[in-house]
Amino acid sequence: MDIRKADVVRSLRGRDAGELFYVSSTDGVYAQIVNGRERRIDKPKKKKLKHLEFVERGDDRTDRKLREGEKVTNSELRRALAGKAGSENKEV
């Protein structure tokens, strides 16, 4: 599946392997990823798409705001990712 803006992804490589992130933008080779903690919305991490695994294309408020280019706070990102991580653990 192609990775697009506002998708939730899991890092497969590097120090952040296994962590969930939102994609703030992508250019086809690289994605800018944020999580509201180490990688804040104003300082995203640039990561190759091949080092990311697609998790979910959601439709909650944070997903819509990112997709439409509205202002998103770091606390909104943290809260949304915590909810997605929690629901992911319940499914396993």
C-alpha atoms as a PDB file:
ATOM      1  CA  MET A   1       0.000   0.000   0.000  1.00  0.00           C
ATOM      2  CA  ASP A   2       1.289   3.459  -0.812  1.00  0.00           C
ATOM      3  CA  ILE A   3       2.038   5.729   2.122  1.00  0.00           C
ATOM      4  CA  ARG A   4       0.382   9.153   2.024  1.00  0.00           C
ATOM      5  CA  LYS A   5       0.096  12.242   4.178  1.00  0.00           C
ATOM      6  CA  ALA A   6      -1.719  11.647   7.521  1.00  0.00           C
ATOM      7  CA  ASP A   7      -1.162   7.863   7.450  1.00  0.00           C
ATOM      8  CA  VAL A   8      -0.023   6.117  10.608  1.00  0.00           C
ATOM      9  CA  VAL A   9       3.197   4.188  10.049  1.00  0.00           C
ATOM     10  CA  ARG A  10       5.609   2.076  12.080  1.00  0.00           C
ATOM     11  CA  SER A  11       9.347   2.606  11.809  1.00  0.00           C
ATOM     12  CA  LEU A  12      11.184  -0.568  10.791  1.00  0.00           C
ATOM     13  CA  ARG A  13      14.791   0.609  11.088  1.00  0.00           C
ATOM     14  CA  GLY A  14      16.891   2.873  13.285  1.00  0.00           C
ATOM     15  CA  ARG A  15      16.687   3.935  16.902  1.00  0.00           C
ATOM     16  CA  ASP A  16      12.964   4.517  16.595  1.00  0.00           C
ATOM     17  CA  ALA A  17      12.204   1.011  15.235  1.00  0.00           C
ATOM     18  CA  GLY A  18       8.787  -0.222  16.311  1.00  0.00           C
ATOM     19  CA  GLU A  19       7.387   3.226  17.162  1.00  0.00           C
ATOM     20  CA  LEU A  20       4.258   4.704  15.570  1.00  0.00           C
ATOM     21  CA  PHE A  21       4.350   7.995  13.678  1.00  0.00           C
ATOM     22  CA  TYR A  22       2.125  10.165  11.514  1.00  0.00           C
ATOM     23  CA  VAL A  23       3.315  11.088   8.026  1.00  0.00           C
ATOM     24  CA  SER A  24       3.296  14.885   7.760  1.00  0.00           C
ATOM     25  CA  SER A  25       4.390  14.864   4.098  1.00  0.00           C
ATOM     26  CA  THR A  26       5.928  12.604   1.468  1.00  0.00           C
ATOM     27  CA  ASP A  27       7.690  13.023  -1.862  1.00  0.00           C
ATOM     28  CA  GLY A  28       7.576   9.445  -3.151  1.00  0.00           C
ATOM     29  CA  VAL A  29      10.990   8.395  -1.778  1.00  0.00           C
ATOM     30  CA  TYR A  30      11.092  10.023   1.661  1.00  0.00           C
ATOM     31  CA  ALA A  31       8.453  10.783   4.272  1.00  0.00           C
ATOM     32  CA  GLN A  32       8.499  13.411   7.005  1.00  0.00           C
ATOM     33  CA  ILE A  33       7.300  11.671  10.180  1.00  0.00           C
ATOM     34  CA  VAL A  34       6.125  13.135  13.496  1.00  0.00           C
ATOM     35  CA  ASN A  35       4.902  11.770  16.826  1.00  0.00           C
ATOM     36  CA  GLY A  36       4.614  14.867  19.029  1.00  0.00           C
ATOM     37  CA  ARG A  37       7.400  13.785  21.410  1.00  0.00           C
ATOM     38  CA  GLU A  38      10.896  13.323  20.008  1.00  0.00           C
ATOM     39  CA  ARG A  39       9.719  14.307  16.542  1.00  0.00           C
ATOM     40  CA  ARG A  40       7.584  17.380  16.942  1.00  0.00           C
ATOM     41  CA  ILE A  41       5.391  18.874  14.237  1.00  0.00           C
ATOM     42  CA  ASP A  42       7.852  21.753  13.683  1.00  0.00           C
ATOM     43  CA  LYS A  43      10.870  19.411  13.371  1.00  0.00           C
ATOM     44  CA  PRO A  44       9.860  16.192  11.559  1.00  0.00           C
ATOM     45  CA  LYS A  45      12.232  13.313  10.821  1.00  0.00           C
ATOM     46  CA  LYS A  46      13.027  12.518   7.209  1.00  0.00           C
ATOM     47  CA  LYS A  47      12.904   8.757   6.653  1.00  0.00           C
ATOM     48  CA  LYS A  48      12.932   6.562   3.556  1.00  0.00           C
ATOM     49  CA  LEU A  49       9.582   4.981   2.729  1.00  0.00           C
ATOM     50  CA  LYS A  50      11.176   1.530   2.521  1.00  0.00           C
ATOM     51  CA  HIS A  51      11.971   1.829   6.257  1.00  0.00           C
ATOM     52  CA  LEU A  52       8.314   2.440   7.148  1.00  0.00           C
ATOM     53  CA  GLU A  53       5.409   0.020   7.444  1.00  0.00           C
ATOM     54  CA  PHE A  54       1.857   1.196   6.763  1.00  0.00           C
ATOM     55  CA  VAL A  55      -0.374   0.706   9.821  1.00  0.00           C
ATOM     56  CA  GLU A  56      -3.586   2.626   9.242  1.00  0.00           C
ATOM     57  CA  ARG A  57      -5.310   5.312   7.223  1.00  0.00           C
ATOM     58  CA  GLY A  58      -7.640   6.716   9.832  1.00  0.00           C
ATOM     59  CA  ASP A  59     -10.479   9.181   9.722  1.00  0.00           C
ATOM     60  CA  ASP A  60     -10.417  10.732  13.183  1.00  0.00           C
ATOM     61  CA  ARG A  61     -10.036  14.451  13.850  1.00  0.00           C
ATOM     62  CA  THR A  62      -6.216  14.473  13.934  1.00  0.00           C
ATOM     63  CA  ASP A  63      -5.995  12.515  10.665  1.00  0.00           C
ATOM     64  CA  ARG A  64      -8.359  14.937   8.926  1.00  0.00           C
ATOM     65  CA  LYS A  65      -6.529  18.009  10.239  1.00  0.00           C
ATOM     66  CA  LEU A  66      -3.163  16.697   9.002  1.00  0.00           C
ATOM     67  CA  ARG A  67      -4.597  15.723   5.615  1.00  0.00           C
ATOM     68  CA  GLU A  68      -6.274  19.110   5.109  1.00  0.00           C
ATOM     69  CA  GLY A  69      -3.222  21.102   6.210  1.00  0.00           C
ATOM     70  CA  GLU A  70      -4.797  22.573   9.342  1.00  0.00           C
ATOM     71  CA  LYS A  71      -2.727  23.346  12.426  1.00  0.00           C
ATOM     72  CA  VAL A  72      -2.103  20.262  14.578  1.00  0.00           C
ATOM     73  CA  THR A  73      -0.556  20.459  18.033  1.00  0.00           C
ATOM     74  CA  ASN A  74       2.020  18.045  19.411  1.00  0.00           C
ATOM     75  CA  SER A  75      -0.344  17.050  22.214  1.00  0.00           C
ATOM     76  CA  GLU A  76      -3.011  16.095  19.636  1.00  0.00           C
ATOM     77  CA  LEU A  77      -0.463  13.891  17.866  1.00  0.00           C
ATOM     78  CA  ARG A  78       0.596  12.193  21.114  1.00  0.00           C
ATOM     79  CA  ARG A  79      -2.997  11.576  22.176  1.00  0.00           C
ATOM     80  CA  ALA A  80      -4.037  10.165  18.790  1.00  0.00           C
ATOM     81  CA  LEU A  81      -1.007   7.869  18.523  1.00  0.00           C
ATOM     82  CA  ALA A  82      -1.491   6.632  22.091  1.00  0.00           C
ATOM     83  CA  GLY A  83      -5.056   5.657  21.191  1.00  0.00           C
ATOM     84  CA  LYS A  84      -3.914   3.858  18.047  1.00  0.00           C
ATOM     85  CA  ALA A  85      -1.150   2.029  19.923  1.00  0.00           C
ATOM     86  CA  GLY A  86      -3.663   0.983  22.582  1.00  0.00           C
ATOM     87  CA  SER A  87      -6.135  -0.368  20.051  1.00  0.00           C
ATOM     88  CA  GLU A  88      -3.316  -2.169  18.259  1.00  0.00           C
ATOM     89  CA  ASN A  89      -2.341  -4.047  21.442  1.00  0.00           C
ATOM     90  CA  LYS A  90      -5.957  -5.134  22.039  1.00  0.00           C
ATOM     91  CA  GLU A  91      -6.147  -6.777  18.617  1.00  0.00           C
ATOM     92  CA  VAL A  92      -3.071  -8.954  19.216  1.00  0.00           C
END
